[in-house]
């Protein structure tokens, strides 16, 4: 047999061997159009209602059903369930001291480390602990459950229960058995100037936790109203005079350890502007303190109000004659205030007014 024929036979054998081996290997499915994390962009401005600015000055916008947008230097990155989010319905956005972004959704809390998304593990309630550290992050999952994140896991926590009926307050729901859990649903989470954390509940008043003890604010206006409505304590604000505003415009409160057994005193509210004076539901559902110490409060369908330490005044929003339902308020790194609405997207502070904000590519 010539060398040429021998080489042809050898090559044929090698080809058949390679074909046979390839048939035995597992098949790998390659998507026709692989999508990198956050590459698809579909902006629905009317769905934007959450604003957050991270430590690198990038803006993050959360939507009601369209995921999260990251905006920096005219570049937009869009994150949805297509990219690994467990839900496109965003409740809040936070950042830890390492620069990781935490995305709270209706289906869980996820961490974005700049490269990938990962879902945070939840520790069983029986193993969870109450602590208060500067690096802790807190989540209320729209009132369904209270979490403390310690950098590793989520601690599922429950507030200490109180005898609500004995304090002239009310259970929430048809029966005390059904209502006990709902009464303690946490709606508002805020920190005060001393680093203590506050929790506003559905109908069980408000709590202040300093890392060791709880101070409970149990007042009728912080529970079920006489007509059955339950506005809830959705925001806790500390003004420049040291008084606390607990989501209502009937009273303000001051911590006083000498006041036994309550531990606080209750005072009359400042004079209300005419726009609010005749309102039968004097409550605000969100608020913040600006860089000058002024308080800003959103009153859902009653507009935006500012308290400068002396008087409460209504602020101008350029609504273009559209009825606005205000649901979120946020102060960015430069002190600019943003408003999130139920159906009309975001509004940004511009001078003495607020103008409609449009996120565009």
Protein backbone atom coordinates (compact mmCIF):
# COMPACT_ATOMS: atom_id res chain seq x y z
CA UNK A 1 0.00 0.00 0.00
CA UNK A 2 1.43 3.38 -0.99
CA UNK A 3 2.05 6.07 1.65
CA UNK A 4 -0.55 8.34 -0.03
CA UNK A 5 -3.33 5.76 0.27
CA UNK A 6 -2.32 5.03 3.85
CA UNK A 7 -2.67 8.73 4.76
CA UNK A 8 -6.12 8.95 3.16
CA UNK A 9 -7.36 5.93 5.14
CA UNK A 10 -5.92 7.33 8.37
CA UNK A 11 -7.58 10.72 7.79
CA UNK A 12 -10.94 9.06 7.08
CA UNK A 13 -10.71 7.09 10.32
CA UNK A 14 -9.96 10.24 12.30
CA UNK A 15 -12.94 12.06 10.75
CA UNK A 16 -15.33 9.20 11.57
CA UNK A 17 -13.92 9.04 15.12
CA UNK A 18 -14.54 12.76 15.63
CA UNK A 19 -18.11 12.43 14.32
CA UNK A 20 -18.79 9.51 16.65
CA UNK A 21 -17.36 11.35 19.67
CA UNK A 22 -19.37 14.50 18.95
CA UNK A 23 -22.58 12.46 18.91
CA UNK A 24 -21.85 11.29 22.44
CA UNK A 25 -21.22 14.79 23.91
CA UNK A 26 -24.13 16.73 25.52
CA UNK A 27 -25.70 19.34 23.29
CA UNK A 28 -25.36 22.99 24.31
CA UNK A 29 -28.20 25.28 23.34
CA UNK A 30 -26.92 28.69 22.20
CA UNK A 31 -29.55 31.43 22.14
CA UNK A 32 -30.03 33.05 18.78
CA UNK A 33 -29.73 36.55 20.27
CA UNK A 34 -27.89 36.55 23.60
CA UNK A 35 -28.82 39.58 25.75
CA UNK A 36 -26.31 41.20 28.11
CA UNK A 37 -27.50 42.32 31.54
CA UNK A 38 -29.63 45.44 31.26
CA UNK A 39 -29.30 45.89 27.49
CA UNK A 40 -32.97 46.11 26.56
CA UNK A 41 -34.52 49.53 27.18
CA UNK A 42 -38.24 50.19 27.23
CA UNK A 43 -39.10 53.42 29.05
CA UNK A 44 -42.62 54.03 30.34
CA UNK A 45 -42.31 57.34 32.20
CA UNK A 46 -45.78 57.15 33.71
CA UNK A 47 -44.72 54.03 35.64
CA UNK A 48 -41.70 55.63 37.32
CA UNK A 49 -42.27 56.45 41.00
CA UNK A 50 -39.09 55.54 42.94
CA UNK A 51 -35.93 57.69 42.83
CA UNK A 52 -32.52 56.91 44.32
CA UNK A 53 -29.07 58.44 43.73
CA UNK A 54 -26.08 56.29 44.66
CA UNK A 55 -22.69 57.31 46.08
CA UNK A 56 -21.28 57.64 42.54
CA UNK A 57 -24.09 60.08 41.65
CA UNK A 58 -25.84 57.66 39.30
CA UNK A 59 -29.63 57.86 39.40
CA UNK A 60 -31.79 54.76 39.80
CA UNK A 61 -35.49 54.85 38.92
CA UNK A 62 -37.95 52.17 40.05
CA UNK A 63 -41.23 51.52 38.28
CA UNK A 64 -44.57 49.94 39.04
CA UNK A 65 -44.21 47.14 36.48
CA UNK A 66 -41.23 47.91 34.24
CA UNK A 67 -38.24 47.15 36.45
CA UNK A 68 -35.34 49.50 37.24
CA UNK A 69 -33.43 52.09 35.24
CA UNK A 70 -29.87 53.23 35.98
CA UNK A 71 -29.07 56.65 34.53
CA UNK A 72 -25.61 58.23 34.42
CA UNK A 73 -23.76 60.45 31.95
CA UNK A 74 -26.67 60.23 29.47
CA UNK A 75 -26.46 56.42 29.54
CA UNK A 76 -29.46 54.31 30.55
CA UNK A 77 -29.33 50.68 31.68
CA UNK A 78 -32.64 48.88 32.08
CA UNK A 79 -33.06 45.89 34.44
CA UNK A 80 -36.13 43.65 34.22
CA UNK A 81 -37.05 40.02 34.87
CA UNK A 82 -35.39 39.37 31.51
CA UNK A 83 -32.10 40.22 33.25
CA UNK A 84 -32.74 38.33 36.48
CA UNK A 85 -35.02 40.55 38.56
CA UNK A 86 -37.52 38.44 40.51
CA UNK A 87 -40.21 41.04 39.80
CA UNK A 88 -40.62 44.19 37.72
CA UNK A 89 -42.62 45.87 40.51
CA UNK A 90 -40.14 47.96 42.53
CA UNK A 91 -40.81 49.05 46.13
CA UNK A 92 -37.53 50.71 47.15
CA UNK A 93 -33.85 51.18 46.27
CA UNK A 94 -30.95 51.41 48.75
CA UNK A 95 -27.15 51.20 48.82
CA UNK A 96 -24.73 49.72 51.35
CA UNK A 97 -21.34 51.10 52.38
CA UNK A 98 -19.62 48.94 49.73
CA UNK A 99 -21.59 50.43 46.86
CA UNK A 100 -23.93 47.47 46.31
CA UNK A 101 -27.47 48.41 45.26
CA UNK A 102 -30.46 46.69 46.90
CA UNK A 103 -33.63 46.39 44.87
CA UNK A 104 -36.78 45.68 46.88
CA UNK A 105 -39.50 44.11 44.75
CA UNK A 106 -42.89 42.58 45.39
CA UNK A 107 -41.28 39.11 45.22
CA UNK A 108 -38.09 39.58 47.20
CA UNK A 109 -34.98 41.70 47.78
CA UNK A 110 -31.97 41.47 45.47
CA UNK A 111 -28.42 42.81 45.50
CA UNK A 112 -26.69 44.22 42.44
CA UNK A 113 -22.90 44.28 42.85
CA UNK A 114 -22.17 46.02 39.56
CA UNK A 115 -22.04 42.78 37.59
CA UNK A 116 -24.83 40.46 38.66
CA UNK A 117 -28.07 40.22 40.58
CA UNK A 118 -28.46 37.87 43.56
CA UNK A 119 -31.43 37.26 45.85
CA UNK A 120 -30.83 37.87 49.57
CA UNK A 121 -31.36 34.95 51.95
CA UNK A 122 -34.06 35.36 54.60
CA UNK A 123 -33.32 34.08 58.10
CA UNK A 124 -36.18 32.38 59.92
CA UNK A 125 -38.02 34.64 62.37
CA UNK A 126 -37.06 32.33 65.24
CA UNK A 127 -33.36 32.87 64.47
CA UNK A 128 -33.55 36.60 63.67
CA UNK A 129 -32.30 39.21 66.12
CA UNK A 130 -33.04 42.84 66.91
CA UNK A 131 -29.94 45.03 66.59
CA UNK A 132 -29.18 48.56 65.44
CA UNK A 133 -25.95 49.09 63.52
CA UNK A 134 -24.97 51.97 61.23
CA UNK A 135 -24.55 49.61 58.28
CA UNK A 136 -27.94 47.90 58.68
CA UNK A 137 -30.50 48.30 55.91
CA UNK A 138 -34.22 48.10 56.69
CA UNK A 139 -37.08 46.99 54.45
CA UNK A 140 -40.83 46.84 55.07
CA UNK A 141 -41.98 45.08 51.87
CA UNK A 142 -44.98 47.41 51.53
CA UNK A 143 -46.11 46.57 55.06
CA UNK A 144 -46.14 42.80 54.69
CA UNK A 145 -42.97 42.00 56.67
CA UNK A 146 -40.16 43.86 58.46
CA UNK A 147 -36.56 42.97 57.59
CA UNK A 148 -33.18 44.05 58.95
CA UNK A 149 -30.26 43.32 56.62
CA UNK A 150 -26.94 42.86 58.41
CA UNK A 151 -24.79 42.56 55.28
CA UNK A 152 -25.29 38.80 55.01
CA UNK A 153 -28.91 37.83 55.60
CA UNK A 154 -32.32 39.37 56.13
CA UNK A 155 -33.63 39.12 59.70
CA UNK A 156 -37.41 38.77 59.81
CA UNK A 157 -38.56 40.84 62.79
CA UNK A 158 -41.75 41.51 64.71
CA UNK A 159 -42.50 44.54 66.84
CA UNK A 160 -43.41 43.98 70.51
CA UNK A 161 -47.17 43.74 70.90
CA UNK A 162 -49.23 46.07 73.07
CA UNK A 163 -52.69 46.01 74.60
CA UNK A 164 -54.17 48.29 71.97
CA UNK A 165 -57.72 48.25 73.27
CA UNK A 166 -56.59 49.25 76.76
CA UNK A 167 -54.96 52.34 75.26
CA UNK A 168 -58.08 53.39 73.40
CA UNK A 169 -56.64 52.16 70.13
CA UNK A 170 -58.10 49.63 67.75
CA UNK A 171 -57.33 46.33 66.15
CA UNK A 172 -57.44 46.23 62.38
CA UNK A 173 -59.78 43.81 60.67
CA UNK A 174 -62.98 42.04 61.63
CA UNK A 175 -61.69 40.30 64.75
CA UNK A 176 -58.70 40.69 67.06
CA UNK A 177 -57.43 37.32 65.86
CA UNK A 178 -57.37 38.46 62.25
CA UNK A 179 -56.26 41.94 63.14
CA UNK A 180 -53.30 41.41 65.45
CA UNK A 181 -50.80 40.89 62.64
CA UNK A 182 -52.23 43.62 60.43
CA UNK A 183 -52.16 46.14 63.26
CA UNK A 184 -48.38 45.84 63.46
CA UNK A 185 -47.72 45.97 59.71
CA UNK A 186 -44.88 48.47 59.24
CA UNK A 187 -45.54 51.29 56.76
CA UNK A 188 -42.95 53.90 57.73
CA UNK A 189 -39.24 53.52 58.58
CA UNK A 190 -37.13 56.58 59.44
CA UNK A 191 -34.04 57.44 61.51
CA UNK A 192 -33.79 60.41 63.87
CA UNK A 193 -30.87 62.73 64.65
CA UNK A 194 -29.59 60.41 67.38
CA UNK A 195 -29.46 57.38 65.11
CA UNK A 196 -32.50 55.64 66.59
CA UNK A 197 -34.86 54.02 64.12
CA UNK A 198 -38.62 54.57 64.01
CA UNK A 199 -41.38 52.31 62.75
CA UNK A 200 -44.85 53.51 61.83
CA UNK A 201 -47.57 50.87 61.80
CA UNK A 202 -51.01 50.29 60.36
CA UNK A 203 -53.03 50.77 63.59
CA UNK A 204 -50.56 50.06 66.44
CA UNK A 205 -49.04 53.53 66.60
CA UNK A 206 -45.31 54.20 66.26
CA UNK A 207 -42.17 52.72 67.81
CA UNK A 208 -38.70 54.17 68.42
CA UNK A 209 -35.86 51.65 68.79
CA UNK A 210 -32.45 52.81 70.08
CA UNK A 211 -30.69 49.44 69.84
CA UNK A 212 -31.68 48.39 73.37
CA UNK A 213 -35.21 49.58 74.13
CA UNK A 214 -38.47 50.41 72.41
CA UNK A 215 -40.44 53.58 73.08
CA UNK A 216 -44.05 53.15 72.01
CA UNK A 217 -46.29 56.00 70.87
CA UNK A 218 -49.82 54.75 71.43
CA UNK A 219 -52.37 57.43 70.55
CA UNK A 220 -55.83 57.25 69.05
CA UNK A 221 -54.86 59.44 66.06
CA UNK A 222 -52.17 56.85 65.24
CA UNK A 223 -54.71 54.04 64.96
CA UNK A 224 -58.20 53.43 63.57
CA UNK A 225 -60.18 56.67 63.32
CA UNK A 226 -63.71 57.06 64.68
CA UNK A 227 -65.14 56.64 61.18
CA UNK A 228 -63.24 53.37 60.66
CA UNK A 229 -60.52 54.69 58.36
CA UNK A 230 -56.94 53.55 58.92
CA UNK A 231 -54.47 56.11 57.52
CA UNK A 232 -51.48 54.43 59.21
CA UNK A 233 -48.20 56.01 60.34
CA UNK A 234 -46.37 56.14 57.01
CA UNK A 235 -43.64 58.68 57.78
CA UNK A 236 -41.85 59.91 60.91
CA UNK A 237 -40.14 63.32 60.67
CA UNK A 238 -38.04 65.28 63.17
CA UNK A 239 -38.23 69.05 62.84
CA UNK A 240 -35.50 71.59 63.68
CA UNK A 241 -37.16 72.25 67.07
CA UNK A 242 -36.85 68.62 68.18
CA UNK A 243 -40.51 67.68 67.71
CA UNK A 244 -41.59 64.54 65.88
CA UNK A 245 -44.31 64.51 63.24
CA UNK A 246 -45.97 61.10 63.09
CA UNK A 247 -47.80 61.18 59.77
CA UNK A 248 -50.67 63.32 61.07
CA UNK A 249 -51.39 67.05 61.25
CA UNK A 250 -53.31 66.97 64.52
CA UNK A 251 -50.42 66.72 67.01
CA UNK A 252 -46.64 66.75 67.25
CA UNK A 253 -44.67 64.78 69.85
CA UNK A 254 -41.57 65.27 71.97
CA UNK A 255 -39.52 62.63 73.77
CA UNK A 256 -39.43 63.23 77.53
CA UNK A 257 -38.05 60.51 79.81
CA UNK A 258 -39.55 62.31 82.82
CA UNK A 259 -43.04 61.86 81.42
CA UNK A 260 -44.06 58.57 83.08
CA UNK A 261 -45.27 56.11 81.92
CA UNK A 262 -45.44 57.31 78.31
CA UNK A 263 -41.95 58.72 77.90
CA UNK A 264 -43.14 61.52 75.61
CA UNK A 265 -45.43 64.53 75.50
CA UNK A 266 -48.03 65.48 72.92
CA UNK A 267 -48.51 69.03 71.65
CA UNK A 268 -50.95 70.92 69.44
CA UNK A 269 -50.14 71.12 65.75
CA UNK A 270 -49.00 74.38 64.17
CA UNK A 271 -51.60 76.51 62.43
CA UNK A 272 -52.74 74.83 59.23
CA UNK A 273 -52.99 76.62 55.87
CA UNK A 274 -56.47 77.25 54.50
CA UNK A 275 -56.08 74.42 51.96
CA UNK A 276 -55.92 71.93 54.83
CA UNK A 277 -57.98 73.59 57.54
CA UNK A 278 -61.26 72.05 56.40
CA UNK A 279 -59.84 68.66 55.44
CA UNK A 280 -61.38 65.77 57.37
CA UNK A 281 -58.26 63.57 56.98
CA UNK A 282 -55.17 65.46 58.09
CA UNK A 283 -52.44 62.95 57.32
CA UNK A 284 -49.30 62.81 55.18
CA UNK A 285 -48.09 59.61 53.55
CA UNK A 286 -44.44 60.56 53.06
CA UNK A 287 -41.94 63.22 53.96
CA UNK A 288 -38.34 64.30 54.48
CA UNK A 289 -36.13 66.97 56.03
CA UNK A 290 -34.16 69.10 53.58
CA UNK A 291 -30.63 70.44 53.89
CA UNK A 292 -31.93 73.59 55.66
CA UNK A 293 -33.93 71.62 58.21
CA UNK A 294 -37.32 72.29 56.60
CA UNK A 295 -39.89 69.51 56.54
CA UNK A 296 -41.58 68.46 53.29
CA UNK A 297 -44.74 66.35 53.35
CA UNK A 298 -46.82 64.73 50.61
CA UNK A 299 -50.53 64.39 51.31
CA UNK A 300 -51.49 61.98 48.51
CA UNK A 301 -54.29 63.84 46.68
CA UNK A 302 -53.96 67.05 48.75
CA UNK A 303 -50.60 68.19 47.42
CA UNK A 304 -47.17 69.01 48.85
CA UNK A 305 -46.50 71.04 52.01
CA UNK A 306 -43.39 72.61 53.55
CA UNK A 307 -42.78 73.48 57.21
CA UNK A 308 -39.97 76.00 57.80
CA UNK A 309 -40.05 75.85 61.61
CA UNK A 310 -42.71 78.54 61.83
CA UNK A 311 -45.48 77.92 59.34
CA UNK A 312 -46.82 75.24 57.03
CA UNK A 313 -47.33 76.25 53.39
CA UNK A 314 -48.53 74.53 50.25
CA UNK A 315 -45.97 74.20 47.43
CA UNK A 316 -46.39 74.64 43.69
CA UNK A 317 -46.35 71.65 41.34
CA UNK A 318 -46.69 72.25 37.61
CA UNK A 319 -49.31 69.57 37.01
CA UNK A 320 -50.57 70.89 33.66
CA UNK A 321 -54.07 70.58 35.16
CA UNK A 322 -53.59 66.85 35.79
CA UNK A 323 -54.78 65.50 39.17
CA UNK A 324 -51.74 64.09 40.96
CA UNK A 325 -51.63 61.36 43.58
CA UNK A 326 -48.30 61.76 45.42
CA UNK A 327 -46.84 58.49 46.70
CA UNK A 328 -43.07 59.03 47.18
CA UNK A 329 -40.69 61.86 48.04
CA UNK A 330 -36.89 61.80 47.85
CA UNK A 331 -33.91 64.14 48.35
CA UNK A 332 -30.90 63.50 46.08
CA UNK A 333 -27.20 64.11 46.76
CA UNK A 334 -27.42 67.78 45.78
CA UNK A 335 -30.48 68.41 47.95
CA UNK A 336 -32.95 68.46 45.04
CA UNK A 337 -36.35 67.02 45.93
CA UNK A 338 -38.18 64.52 43.72
CA UNK A 339 -41.83 63.47 43.82
CA UNK A 340 -43.23 60.15 42.65
CA UNK A 341 -46.87 59.86 41.61
CA UNK A 342 -49.33 57.02 41.26
CA UNK A 343 -49.98 57.33 37.54
CA UNK A 344 -48.09 60.38 36.23
CA UNK A 345 -44.44 59.52 36.72
CA UNK A 346 -41.86 61.74 38.43
CA UNK A 347 -41.62 65.45 39.22
CA UNK A 348 -38.32 67.22 39.96
CA UNK A 349 -37.75 70.37 42.00
CA UNK A 350 -36.83 73.31 39.78
CA UNK A 351 -36.49 76.57 41.66
CA UNK A 352 -39.71 77.24 43.55
CA UNK A 353 -41.77 74.70 41.61
CA UNK A 354 -41.76 71.06 40.54
CA UNK A 355 -41.67 70.12 36.87
CA UNK A 356 -42.45 66.86 35.09
CA UNK A 357 -39.36 64.69 34.59
CA UNK A 358 -39.00 62.57 31.47
CA UNK A 359 -36.36 59.83 31.23
CA UNK A 360 -35.33 59.62 27.57
CA UNK A 361 -32.73 57.64 25.61
